[in-house]
Amino acid sequence: MEDRLSAPDATNLAQRFAIPGVAEVLSGNGGLPKVVISTPNVRGEMYLHGGHVTSWSPTGSGEGLYLSPNSLFQDGRAIRGGVPVCFPWFGDKADDKSAPAHGFVRTKAWELASIEQSEPDVVVTMSTQSGDDTRKWWPHDFLLTCRATFGAQLKIELIVTNPGSARFAFEEALHAYFAVGDAESSAVHGLDGTRYIDKTDRFTEKSQTGDVILAAETDRVYLATEGEVELSDPVGKRGIRVEKGNSRTTVVWNPWSEKSGALKDLGAGEWKHFVCIETTNVGPFAVQLEPQQSHTMTARVHAAPLPM
């Protein structure tokens, strides 16, 4: 059974890591500890459950991330929304359909390593590593670190270290849910001409023509992508730009109405309020990591009003 961090743990962590007036460690939903950031430039939250950023609200732009009002904040369940961390596989595990979807780190209690001020931003670092609970699903030793920089921009670095003596391969994703006024009115720019795997059509490989317009369930893995993409949200009157580093695939996802209603932690109609643009290395672009080496994947998010 995985360890659970509770309210007393949050109190202990606050005594060690809190920065008065800037960063607090509190007992959040379901009693799960979270770091709460508050500066003149940003408000944000990050849970130790999953090393999971759940809020980023830069001053003047509003909340950038969607968090489901029906999310289950409990042991063994991933938080629905924000920026889940997927590792060491994406989607279903290819050789074991009984394994947890998107890997096992989304439901682990991570360790809080540090909270630091880097004026005018705040940097929160959390980590998790291999143990008996992970080796039953995946035999390799690893150290996984998520470093989130909260400011006018949100920067998330996912650092995978191989402390062992053999090379291993892994998939990874920062599965960001971006808040929009209406998913049907939104569009994703920057992927024109890119080949993608359409997971809603028997994993058929296709080519993107023009912007990505959501008109039905969308689950696409865009291949060999390194450039930035932008999400335009005319109803919310905002654009969100995602830049990335050491990422070769981009996933665009929205479950649409039927699947949204079937998900207990999402609910009917909730699909209209987000578009997922995920910074990833998945499928044919899984990472091969040599012993004693590390790999860092980065997503940097900007939000700005759309031009009138």
C-alpha atoms as a PDB file:
ATOM      1  CA  MET A   1       0.000   0.000   0.000  1.00  0.00           C
ATOM      2  CA  GLU A   2       1.274   3.472  -0.851  1.00  0.00           C
ATOM      3  CA  ASP A   3       2.054   5.905   1.945  1.00  0.00           C
ATOM      4  CA  ARG A   4      -0.464   8.650   2.446  1.00  0.00           C
ATOM      5  CA  LEU A   5       0.520  12.181   3.362  1.00  0.00           C
ATOM      6  CA  SER A   6      -2.060  13.735   5.664  1.00  0.00           C
ATOM      7  CA  ALA A   7      -2.721  17.003   7.492  1.00  0.00           C
ATOM      8  CA  PRO A   8      -0.041  16.433  10.185  1.00  0.00           C
ATOM      9  CA  ASP A   9       2.482  15.855   7.391  1.00  0.00           C
ATOM     10  CA  ALA A  10       1.440  19.169   5.831  1.00  0.00           C
ATOM     11  CA  THR A  11       2.108  20.905   9.146  1.00  0.00           C
ATOM     12  CA  ASN A  12       5.565  19.347   9.377  1.00  0.00           C
ATOM     13  CA  LEU A  13       6.363  20.262   5.788  1.00  0.00           C
ATOM     14  CA  ALA A  14       5.180  23.831   6.366  1.00  0.00           C
ATOM     15  CA  GLN A  15       7.608  24.190   9.251  1.00  0.00           C
ATOM     16  CA  ARG A  16      10.464  23.025   7.008  1.00  0.00           C
ATOM     17  CA  PHE A  17       9.659  24.626   3.665  1.00  0.00           C
ATOM     18  CA  ALA A  18       7.120  27.466   3.878  1.00  0.00           C
ATOM     19  CA  ILE A  19       8.125  31.002   2.899  1.00  0.00           C
ATOM     20  CA  PRO A  20       5.866  33.372   4.883  1.00  0.00           C
ATOM     21  CA  GLY A  21       3.628  35.467   2.674  1.00  0.00           C
ATOM     22  CA  VAL A  22       4.846  33.687  -0.461  1.00  0.00           C
ATOM     23  CA  ALA A  23       4.487  29.906  -0.205  1.00  0.00           C
ATOM     24  CA  GLU A  24       2.472  27.850   2.269  1.00  0.00           C
ATOM     25  CA  VAL A  25       2.102  24.105   2.708  1.00  0.00           C
ATOM     26  CA  LEU A  26      -1.501  23.286   3.561  1.00  0.00           C
ATOM     27  CA  SER A  27      -3.863  20.325   3.790  1.00  0.00           C
ATOM     28  CA  GLY A  28      -5.789  20.425   0.513  1.00  0.00           C
ATOM     29  CA  ASN A  29      -8.727  18.514  -0.926  1.00  0.00           C
ATOM     30  CA  GLY A  30      -9.096  15.046   0.584  1.00  0.00           C
ATOM     31  CA  GLY A  31      -6.533  15.975   3.226  1.00  0.00           C
ATOM     32  CA  LEU A  32      -3.739  15.783   0.642  1.00  0.00           C
ATOM     33  CA  PRO A  33      -0.877  18.257   1.226  1.00  0.00           C
ATOM     34  CA  LYS A  34      -0.351  21.015  -1.303  1.00  0.00           C
ATOM     35  CA  VAL A  35       1.950  23.993  -1.820  1.00  0.00           C
ATOM     36  CA  VAL A  36       0.092  27.285  -2.324  1.00  0.00           C
ATOM     37  CA  ILE A  37       1.935  30.133  -4.059  1.00  0.00           C
ATOM     38  CA  SER A  38       0.877  33.777  -3.754  1.00  0.00           C
ATOM     39  CA  THR A  39       2.936  36.648  -5.161  1.00  0.00           C
ATOM     40  CA  PRO A  40       2.076  39.925  -6.915  1.00  0.00           C
ATOM     41  CA  ASN A  41       2.514  38.103 -10.243  1.00  0.00           C
ATOM     42  CA  VAL A  42       0.820  34.760  -9.705  1.00  0.00           C
ATOM     43  CA  ARG A  43      -1.257  32.442  -7.593  1.00  0.00           C
ATOM     44  CA  GLY A  44      -0.678  28.717  -7.929  1.00  0.00           C
ATOM     45  CA  GLU A  45      -1.003  25.289  -6.327  1.00  0.00           C
ATOM     46  CA  MET A  46       0.934  22.027  -6.535  1.00  0.00           C
ATOM     47  CA  TYR A  47      -0.053  18.786  -4.772  1.00  0.00           C
ATOM     48  CA  LEU A  48       2.420  16.232  -3.448  1.00  0.00           C
ATOM     49  CA  HIS A  49      -0.082  13.633  -4.705  1.00  0.00           C
ATOM     50  CA  GLY A  50       1.383  12.954  -8.148  1.00  0.00           C
ATOM     51  CA  GLY A  51       3.766  15.934  -8.085  1.00  0.00           C
ATOM     52  CA  HIS A  52       0.790  17.638  -9.663  1.00  0.00           C
ATOM     53  CA  VAL A  53       0.355  21.326 -10.560  1.00  0.00           C
ATOM     54  CA  THR A  54      -3.361  22.069 -10.141  1.00  0.00           C
ATOM     55  CA  SER A  55      -3.494  25.856 -10.505  1.00  0.00           C
ATOM     56  CA  TRP A  56      -1.606  28.629 -12.292  1.00  0.00           C
ATOM     57  CA  SER A  57      -3.282  32.017 -12.306  1.00  0.00           C
ATOM     58  CA  PRO A  58      -0.999  34.811 -13.517  1.00  0.00           C
ATOM     59  CA  THR A  59      -2.146  38.285 -12.505  1.00  0.00           C
ATOM     60  CA  GLY A  60      -4.387  39.821 -15.146  1.00  0.00           C
ATOM     61  CA  SER A  61      -4.903  36.590 -17.121  1.00  0.00           C
ATOM     62  CA  GLY A  62      -7.133  34.462 -14.878  1.00  0.00           C
ATOM     63  CA  GLU A  63      -6.810  30.738 -14.178  1.00  0.00           C
ATOM     64  CA  GLY A  64      -4.834  29.039 -16.929  1.00  0.00           C
ATOM     65  CA  LEU A  65      -5.521  25.435 -15.935  1.00  0.00           C
ATOM     66  CA  TYR A  66      -8.754  23.475 -15.777  1.00  0.00           C
ATOM     67  CA  LEU A  67      -9.433  21.382 -12.661  1.00  0.00           C
ATOM     68  CA  SER A  68     -12.509  19.150 -12.648  1.00  0.00           C
ATOM     69  CA  PRO A  69     -15.043  20.008  -9.930  1.00  0.00           C
ATOM     70  CA  ASN A  70     -15.606  16.240  -9.659  1.00  0.00           C
ATOM     71  CA  SER A  71     -11.962  15.240  -9.277  1.00  0.00           C
ATOM     72  CA  LEU A  72     -11.373  12.480  -6.730  1.00  0.00           C
ATOM     73  CA  PHE A  73      -8.653  13.583  -4.323  1.00  0.00           C
ATOM     74  CA  GLN A  74      -7.922  10.168  -2.866  1.00  0.00           C
ATOM     75  CA  ASP A  75      -5.326   7.434  -2.694  1.00  0.00           C
ATOM     76  CA  GLY A  76      -5.027   5.352  -5.830  1.00  0.00           C
ATOM     77  CA  ARG A  77      -6.752   7.924  -8.047  1.00  0.00           C
ATOM     78  CA  ALA A  78      -5.172  10.582 -10.222  1.00  0.00           C
ATOM     79  CA  ILE A  79      -6.268  14.196  -9.889  1.00  0.00           C
ATOM     80  CA  ARG A  80      -8.412  15.142 -12.902  1.00  0.00           C
ATOM     81  CA  GLY A  81      -7.141  18.354 -14.467  1.00  0.00           C
ATOM     82  CA  GLY A  82      -4.173  20.634 -13.944  1.00  0.00           C
ATOM     83  CA  VAL A  83      -0.942  19.051 -15.180  1.00  0.00           C
ATOM     84  CA  PRO A  84      -0.735  15.312 -14.404  1.00  0.00           C
ATOM     85  CA  VAL A  85       2.683  13.663 -14.794  1.00  0.00           C
ATOM     86  CA  CYS A  86       2.610  10.477 -16.901  1.00  0.00           C
ATOM     87  CA  PHE A  87       5.565   8.065 -16.535  1.00  0.00           C
ATOM     88  CA  PRO A  88       7.003   5.558 -17.473  1.00  0.00           C
ATOM     89  CA  TRP A  89       4.356   4.773 -20.091  1.00  0.00           C
ATOM     90  CA  PHE A  90       1.605   6.758 -21.772  1.00  0.00           C
ATOM     91  CA  GLY A  91      -1.927   5.442 -22.087  1.00  0.00           C
ATOM     92  CA  ASP A  92      -2.241   1.696 -21.531  1.00  0.00           C
ATOM     93  CA  LYS A  93       0.911  -0.323 -20.839  1.00  0.00           C
ATOM     94  CA  ALA A  94       1.598  -2.199 -24.056  1.00  0.00           C
ATOM     95  CA  ASP A  95       2.340  -5.584 -22.453  1.00  0.00           C
ATOM     96  CA  ASP A  96      -0.015  -5.413 -19.446  1.00  0.00           C
ATOM     97  CA  LYS A  97      -3.500  -3.965 -19.781  1.00  0.00           C
ATOM     98  CA  SER A  98      -4.055  -4.416 -16.029  1.00  0.00           C
ATOM     99  CA  ALA A  99      -1.329  -1.877 -15.234  1.00  0.00           C
ATOM    100  CA  PRO A 100      -2.436   1.646 -14.277  1.00  0.00           C
ATOM    101  CA  ALA A 101      -3.091   3.946 -17.230  1.00  0.00           C
ATOM    102  CA  HIS A 102      -0.389   6.560 -17.870  1.00  0.00           C
ATOM    103  CA  GLY A 103       1.996   4.876 -15.434  1.00  0.00           C
ATOM    104  CA  PHE A 104       2.068   4.853 -11.658  1.00  0.00           C
ATOM    105  CA  VAL A 105       3.494   8.212 -10.560  1.00  0.00           C
ATOM    106  CA  ARG A 106       0.186  10.127 -10.860  1.00  0.00           C
ATOM    107  CA  THR A 107      -1.133   8.331  -7.778  1.00  0.00           C
ATOM    108  CA  LYS A 108       2.049   8.243  -5.680  1.00  0.00           C
ATOM    109  CA  ALA A 109       2.753  10.523  -2.729  1.00  0.00           C
ATOM    110  CA  TRP A 110       5.798  12.499  -3.877  1.00  0.00           C
ATOM    111  CA  GLU A 111       8.384  14.148  -1.640  1.00  0.00           C
ATOM    112  CA  LEU A 112       8.690  17.906  -1.349  1.00  0.00           C
ATOM    113  CA  ALA A 113      12.356  18.670  -1.992  1.00  0.00           C
ATOM    114  CA  SER A 114      12.418  22.471  -1.905  1.00  0.00           C
ATOM    115  CA  ILE A 115      10.559  25.770  -2.275  1.00  0.00           C
ATOM    116  CA  GLU A 116      12.748  28.650  -3.410  1.00  0.00           C
ATOM    117  CA  GLN A 117      12.237  32.267  -4.375  1.00  0.00           C
ATOM    118  CA  SER A 118      13.803  33.262  -7.665  1.00  0.00           C
ATOM    119  CA  GLU A 119      12.549  36.833  -7.897  1.00  0.00           C
ATOM    120  CA  PRO A 120       9.936  37.455  -9.039  1.00  0.00           C
ATOM    121  CA  ASP A 121       9.074  33.750  -9.356  1.00  0.00           C
ATOM    122  CA  VAL A 122       8.723  30.818  -6.947  1.00  0.00           C
ATOM    123  CA  VAL A 123      10.217  27.392  -7.743  1.00  0.00           C
ATOM    124  CA  VAL A 124       8.708  24.238  -6.219  1.00  0.00           C
ATOM    125  CA  THR A 125      10.596  20.949  -6.596  1.00  0.00           C
ATOM    126  CA  MET A 126       9.100  17.523  -5.866  1.00  0.00           C
ATOM    127  CA  SER A 127      10.456  14.041  -6.519  1.00  0.00           C
ATOM    128  CA  THR A 128       9.608  10.354  -6.420  1.00  0.00           C
ATOM    129  CA  GLN A 129      11.637   7.217  -7.019  1.00  0.00           C
ATOM    130  CA  SER A 130      11.497   3.496  -7.571  1.00  0.00           C
ATOM    131  CA  GLY A 131      10.484   1.087  -4.823  1.00  0.00           C
ATOM    132  CA  ASP A 132       8.631  -2.183  -4.294  1.00  0.00           C
ATOM    133  CA  ASP A 133       5.386  -0.449  -5.302  1.00  0.00           C
ATOM    134  CA  THR A 134       6.796   0.512  -8.731  1.00  0.00           C
ATOM    135  CA  ARG A 135       8.926  -2.563  -9.488  1.00  0.00           C
ATOM    136  CA  LYS A 136       5.851  -4.781  -9.570  1.00  0.00           C
ATOM    137  CA  TRP A 137       4.850  -2.842 -12.709  1.00  0.00           C
ATOM    138  CA  TRP A 138       8.244  -1.774 -14.110  1.00  0.00           C
ATOM    139  CA  PRO A 139      11.572  -3.356 -13.101  1.00  0.00           C
ATOM    140  CA  HIS A 140      13.875  -0.362 -13.425  1.00  0.00           C
ATOM    141  CA  ASP A 141      15.343   1.936 -10.784  1.00  0.00           C
ATOM    142  CA  PHE A 142      14.650   5.627 -11.394  1.00  0.00           C
ATOM    143  CA  LEU A 143      14.488   9.066  -9.824  1.00  0.00           C
ATOM    144  CA  LEU A 144      11.811  11.403 -11.170  1.00  0.00           C
ATOM    145  CA  THR A 145      11.830  15.120 -10.364  1.00  0.00           C
ATOM    146  CA  CYS A 146       9.197  17.718 -11.239  1.00  0.00           C
ATOM    147  CA  ARG A 147      10.317  21.338 -10.897  1.00  0.00           C
ATOM    148  CA  ALA A 148       7.575  23.952 -11.354  1.00  0.00           C
ATOM    149  CA  THR A 149       8.389  27.648 -11.662  1.00  0.00           C
ATOM    150  CA  PHE A 150       5.356  29.821 -10.884  1.00  0.00           C
ATOM    151  CA  GLY A 151       5.369  33.319 -12.310  1.00  0.00           C
ATOM    152  CA  ALA A 152       3.887  35.330 -15.162  1.00  0.00           C
ATOM    153  CA  GLN A 153       4.878  32.205 -17.094  1.00  0.00           C
ATOM    154  CA  LEU A 154       4.559  28.619 -15.878  1.00  0.00           C
ATOM    155  CA  LYS A 155       7.629  26.491 -16.468  1.00  0.00           C
ATOM    156  CA  ILE A 156       7.586  22.776 -15.656  1.00  0.00           C
ATOM    157  CA  GLU A 157      10.684  20.602 -15.934  1.00  0.00           C
ATOM    158  CA  LEU A 158      10.369  16.825 -15.751  1.00  0.00           C
ATOM    159  CA  ILE A 159      13.736  15.250 -14.971  1.00  0.00           C
ATOM    160  CA  VAL A 160      14.262  11.488 -15.271  1.00  0.00           C
ATOM    161  CA  THR A 161      17.460   9.997 -13.832  1.00  0.00           C
ATOM    162  CA  ASN A 162      18.678   6.441 -14.364  1.00  0.00           C
ATOM    163  CA  PRO A 163      20.716   5.472 -11.250  1.00  0.00           C
ATOM    164  CA  GLY A 164      21.038   1.858 -12.345  1.00  0.00           C
ATOM    165  CA  SER A 165      23.522  -0.113 -14.440  1.00  0.00           C
ATOM    166  CA  ALA A 166      21.356  -0.827 -17.505  1.00  0.00           C
ATOM    167  CA  ARG A 167      19.734   1.360 -20.131  1.00  0.00           C
ATOM    168  CA  PHE A 168      15.954   1.694 -20.039  1.00  0.00           C
ATOM    169  CA  ALA A 169      13.285   3.200 -22.274  1.00  0.00           C
ATOM    170  CA  PHE A 170      10.350   5.266 -21.045  1.00  0.00           C
ATOM    171  CA  GLU A 171       7.484   7.443 -22.201  1.00  0.00           C
ATOM    172  CA  GLU A 172       6.578  10.695 -20.448  1.00  0.00           C
ATOM    173  CA  ALA A 173       3.956  13.424 -20.568  1.00  0.00           C
ATOM    174  CA  LEU A 174       3.003  16.690 -18.937  1.00  0.00           C
ATOM    175  CA  HIS A 175      -0.718  16.155 -19.546  1.00  0.00           C
ATOM    176  CA  ALA A 176      -1.814  19.794 -19.275  1.00  0.00           C
ATOM    177  CA  TYR A 177      -5.526  20.692 -19.164  1.00  0.00           C
ATOM    178  CA  PHE A 178      -5.885  24.309 -20.302  1.00  0.00           C
ATOM    179  CA  ALA A 179      -9.013  26.212 -19.294  1.00  0.00           C
ATOM    180  CA  VAL A 180     -11.110  27.621 -22.146  1.00  0.00           C
ATOM    181  CA  GLY A 181     -14.454  29.359 -22.424  1.00  0.00           C
ATOM    182  CA  ASP A 182     -15.694  26.832 -25.002  1.00  0.00           C
ATOM    183  CA  ALA A 183     -13.707  23.939 -26.482  1.00  0.00           C
ATOM    184  CA  GLU A 184     -15.808  23.969 -29.671  1.00  0.00           C
ATOM    185  CA  SER A 185     -14.808  27.568 -30.355  1.00  0.00           C
ATOM    186  CA  SER A 186     -11.126  27.032 -29.599  1.00  0.00           C
ATOM    187  CA  ALA A 187      -8.325  26.166 -32.013  1.00  0.00           C
ATOM    188  CA  VAL A 188      -4.753  24.878 -31.771  1.00  0.00           C
ATOM    189  CA  HIS A 189      -2.226  26.560 -34.061  1.00  0.00           C
ATOM    190  CA  GLY A 190       1.263  25.474 -35.035  1.00  0.00           C
ATOM    191  CA  LEU A 191       0.718  21.861 -36.154  1.00  0.00           C
ATOM    192  CA  ASP A 192      -0.190  22.400 -39.828  1.00  0.00           C
ATOM    193  CA  GLY A 193       1.447  19.752 -42.020  1.00  0.00           C
ATOM    194  CA  THR A 194       2.449  17.564 -39.074  1.00  0.00           C
ATOM    195  CA  ARG A 195       1.936  13.802 -39.170  1.00  0.00           C
ATOM    196  CA  TYR A 196      -0.128  12.422 -36.312  1.00  0.00           C
ATOM    197  CA  ILE A 197      -1.532   9.173 -34.936  1.00  0.00           C
ATOM    198  CA  ASP A 198      -5.312   9.340 -34.597  1.00  0.00           C
ATOM    199  CA  LYS A 199      -6.168   7.212 -31.562  1.00  0.00           C
ATOM    200  CA  THR A 200      -9.905   7.620 -32.251  1.00  0.00           C
ATOM    201  CA  ASP A 201      -9.481   5.962 -35.679  1.00  0.00           C
ATOM    202  CA  ARG A 202      -7.610   2.706 -34.970  1.00  0.00           C
ATOM    203  CA  PHE A 203      -4.282   4.521 -34.533  1.00  0.00           C
ATOM    204  CA  THR A 204      -4.225   5.510 -38.207  1.00  0.00           C
ATOM    205  CA  GLU A 205      -1.412   7.886 -39.199  1.00  0.00           C
ATOM    206  CA  LYS A 206      -2.657  11.085 -40.841  1.00  0.00           C
ATOM    207  CA  SER A 207      -1.457  14.579 -41.734  1.00  0.00           C
ATOM    208  CA  GLN A 208      -2.785  17.765 -40.142  1.00  0.00           C
ATOM    209  CA  THR A 209      -4.231  20.362 -42.513  1.00  0.00           C
ATOM    210  CA  GLY A 210      -4.529  23.852 -41.067  1.00  0.00           C
ATOM    211  CA  ASP A 211      -5.379  24.490 -37.428  1.00  0.00           C
ATOM    212  CA  VAL A 212      -6.687  21.793 -35.086  1.00  0.00           C
ATOM    213  CA  ILE A 213     -10.409  22.480 -34.702  1.00  0.00           C
ATOM    214  CA  LEU A 214     -12.243  20.356 -32.145  1.00  0.00           C
ATOM    215  CA  ALA A 215     -15.557  19.063 -33.481  1.00  0.00           C
ATOM    216  CA  ALA A 216     -15.676  15.571 -31.916  1.00  0.00           C
ATOM    217  CA  GLU A 217     -13.661  13.385 -29.568  1.00  0.00           C
ATOM    218  CA  THR A 218     -10.019  14.234 -30.267  1.00  0.00           C
ATOM    219  CA  ASP A 219      -7.025  12.104 -29.261  1.00  0.00           C
ATOM    220  CA  ARG A 220      -3.991  12.722 -31.462  1.00  0.00           C
ATOM    221  CA  VAL A 221      -0.265  12.157 -31.058  1.00  0.00           C
ATOM    222  CA  TYR A 222       1.586  14.655 -33.272  1.00  0.00           C
ATOM    223  CA  LEU A 223       4.975  13.271 -34.325  1.00  0.00           C
ATOM    224  CA  ALA A 224       8.418  14.883 -34.601  1.00  0.00           C
ATOM    225  CA  THR A 225       7.162  18.149 -33.116  1.00  0.00           C
ATOM    226  CA  GLU A 226       9.581  20.511 -31.402  1.00  0.00           C
ATOM    227  CA  GLY A 227       8.087  23.942 -32.094  1.00  0.00           C
ATOM    228  CA  GLU A 228       5.638  25.926 -29.987  1.00  0.00           C
ATOM    229  CA  VAL A 229       1.873  25.625 -30.315  1.00  0.00           C
ATOM    230  CA  GLU A 230      -0.808  28.132 -29.406  1.00  0.00           C
ATOM    231  CA  LEU A 231      -4.336  27.640 -28.137  1.00  0.00           C
ATOM    232  CA  SER A 232      -6.748  30.415 -29.088  1.00  0.00           C
ATOM    233  CA  ASP A 233      -9.822  30.781 -26.885  1.00  0.00           C
ATOM    234  CA  PRO A 234     -12.085  33.482 -28.368  1.00  0.00           C
ATOM    235  CA  VAL A 235     -14.842  32.916 -25.792  1.00  0.00           C
ATOM    236  CA  GLY A 236     -12.357  33.361 -22.961  1.00  0.00           C
ATOM    237  CA  LYS A 237     -10.634  36.122 -24.973  1.00  0.00           C
ATOM    238  CA  ARG A 238      -7.247  34.573 -24.293  1.00  0.00           C
ATOM    239  CA  GLY A 239      -4.409  32.814 -26.033  1.00  0.00           C
ATOM    240  CA  ILE A 240      -2.148  30.235 -24.392  1.00  0.00           C
ATOM    241  CA  ARG A 241       1.241  29.486 -25.945  1.00  0.00           C
ATOM    242  CA  VAL A 242       3.210  26.348 -25.080  1.00  0.00           C
ATOM    243  CA  GLU A 243       6.941  26.191 -25.761  1.00  0.00           C
ATOM    244  CA  LYS A 244       8.830  22.985 -25.080  1.00  0.00           C
ATOM    245  CA  GLY A 245      12.300  21.519 -24.831  1.00  0.00           C
ATOM    246  CA  ASN A 246      13.524  17.928 -25.332  1.00  0.00           C
ATOM    247  CA  SER A 247      10.023  16.887 -26.405  1.00  0.00           C
ATOM    248  CA  ARG A 248       9.416  15.247 -29.786  1.00  0.00           C
ATOM    249  CA  THR A 249       5.678  14.592 -29.626  1.00  0.00           C
ATOM    250  CA  THR A 250       2.629  16.727 -28.817  1.00  0.00           C
ATOM    251  CA  VAL A 251      -0.727  15.273 -27.781  1.00  0.00           C
ATOM    252  CA  VAL A 252      -4.036  17.098 -28.285  1.00  0.00           C
ATOM    253  CA  TRP A 253      -6.962  15.588 -26.379  1.00  0.00           C
ATOM    254  CA  ASN A 254     -10.583  16.255 -25.533  1.00  0.00           C
ATOM    255  CA  PRO A 255     -12.981  13.410 -24.634  1.00  0.00           C
ATOM    256  CA  TRP A 256     -16.112  15.184 -25.942  1.00  0.00           C
ATOM    257  CA  SER A 257     -19.578  14.716 -24.550  1.00  0.00           C
ATOM    258  CA  GLU A 258     -20.143  10.956 -24.310  1.00  0.00           C
ATOM    259  CA  LYS A 259     -16.809  10.024 -22.721  1.00  0.00           C
ATOM    260  CA  SER A 260     -16.861  13.080 -20.471  1.00  0.00           C
ATOM    261  CA  GLY A 261     -20.206  12.017 -19.021  1.00  0.00           C
ATOM    262  CA  ALA A 262     -18.952   8.463 -18.492  1.00  0.00           C
ATOM    263  CA  LEU A 263     -15.953   9.583 -16.425  1.00  0.00           C
ATOM    264  CA  LYS A 264     -16.943   9.814 -12.756  1.00  0.00           C
ATOM    265  CA  ASP A 265     -14.260  12.379 -11.987  1.00  0.00           C
ATOM    266  CA  LEU A 266     -15.172  14.577 -14.962  1.00  0.00           C
ATOM    267  CA  GLY A 267     -18.897  14.662 -15.730  1.00  0.00           C
ATOM    268  CA  ALA A 268     -21.323  15.620 -18.482  1.00  0.00           C
ATOM    269  CA  GLY A 269     -20.603  18.987 -20.038  1.00  0.00           C
ATOM    270  CA  GLU A 270     -17.171  19.403 -18.450  1.00  0.00           C
ATOM    271  CA  TRP A 271     -15.427  18.659 -21.755  1.00  0.00           C
ATOM    272  CA  LYS A 272     -16.430  22.107 -22.997  1.00  0.00           C
ATOM    273  CA  HIS A 273     -14.198  23.818 -20.435  1.00  0.00           C
ATOM    274  CA  PHE A 274     -10.742  22.525 -21.415  1.00  0.00           C
ATOM    275  CA  VAL A 275      -8.381  21.521 -24.194  1.00  0.00           C
ATOM    276  CA  CYS A 276      -5.398  19.297 -23.385  1.00  0.00           C
ATOM    277  CA  ILE A 277      -2.120  20.181 -25.082  1.00  0.00           C
ATOM    278  CA  GLU A 278       0.469  17.753 -23.773  1.00  0.00           C
ATOM    279  CA  THR A 279       4.240  18.044 -23.906  1.00  0.00           C
ATOM    280  CA  THR A 280       5.369  14.453 -24.428  1.00  0.00           C
ATOM    281  CA  ASN A 281       7.840  11.848 -25.616  1.00  0.00           C
ATOM    282  CA  VAL A 282       5.686   8.858 -26.527  1.00  0.00           C
ATOM    283  CA  GLY A 283       5.311   6.045 -29.063  1.00  0.00           C
ATOM    284  CA  PRO A 284       8.182   5.988 -31.572  1.00  0.00           C
ATOM    285  CA  PHE A 285       9.791   8.889 -29.683  1.00  0.00           C
ATOM    286  CA  ALA A 286      10.126   7.121 -26.325  1.00  0.00           C
ATOM    287  CA  VAL A 287      13.369   8.077 -24.585  1.00  0.00           C
ATOM    288  CA  GLN A 288      16.322   5.687 -24.241  1.00  0.00           C
ATOM    289  CA  LEU A 289      18.229   6.606 -21.087  1.00  0.00           C
ATOM    290  CA  GLU A 290      21.723   5.307 -20.368  1.00  0.00           C
ATOM    291  CA  PRO A 291      22.920   4.343 -16.853  1.00  0.00           C
ATOM    292  CA  GLN A 292      23.847   7.268 -14.602  1.00  0.00           C
ATOM    293  CA  GLN A 293      22.325   9.749 -17.074  1.00  0.00           C
ATOM    294  CA  SER A 294      19.408  12.189 -16.800  1.00  0.00           C
ATOM    295  CA  HIS A 295      16.880  13.534 -19.288  1.00  0.00           C
ATOM    296  CA  THR A 296      14.974  16.820 -18.845  1.00  0.00           C
ATOM    297  CA  MET A 297      11.772  17.647 -20.719  1.00  0.00           C
ATOM    298  CA  THR A 298      10.428  21.181 -20.348  1.00  0.00           C
ATOM    299  CA  ALA A 299       7.129  22.951 -20.979  1.00  0.00           C
ATOM    300  CA  ARG A 300       6.863  26.727 -20.735  1.00  0.00           C
ATOM    301  CA  VAL A 301       3.371  28.249 -20.783  1.00  0.00           C
ATOM    302  CA  HIS A 302       2.450  31.854 -21.577  1.00  0.00           C
ATOM    303  CA  ALA A 303      -1.031  33.419 -21.425  1.00  0.00           C
ATOM    304  CA  ALA A 304      -2.109  36.692 -23.023  1.00  0.00           C
ATOM    305  CA  PRO A 305      -5.336  38.425 -24.137  1.00  0.00           C
ATOM    306  CA  LEU A 306      -6.271  37.810 -27.768  1.00  0.00           C
ATOM    307  CA  PRO A 307      -5.942  40.819 -30.062  1.00  0.00           C
ATOM    308  CA  MET A 308      -9.202  42.701 -30.479  1.00  0.00           C
END
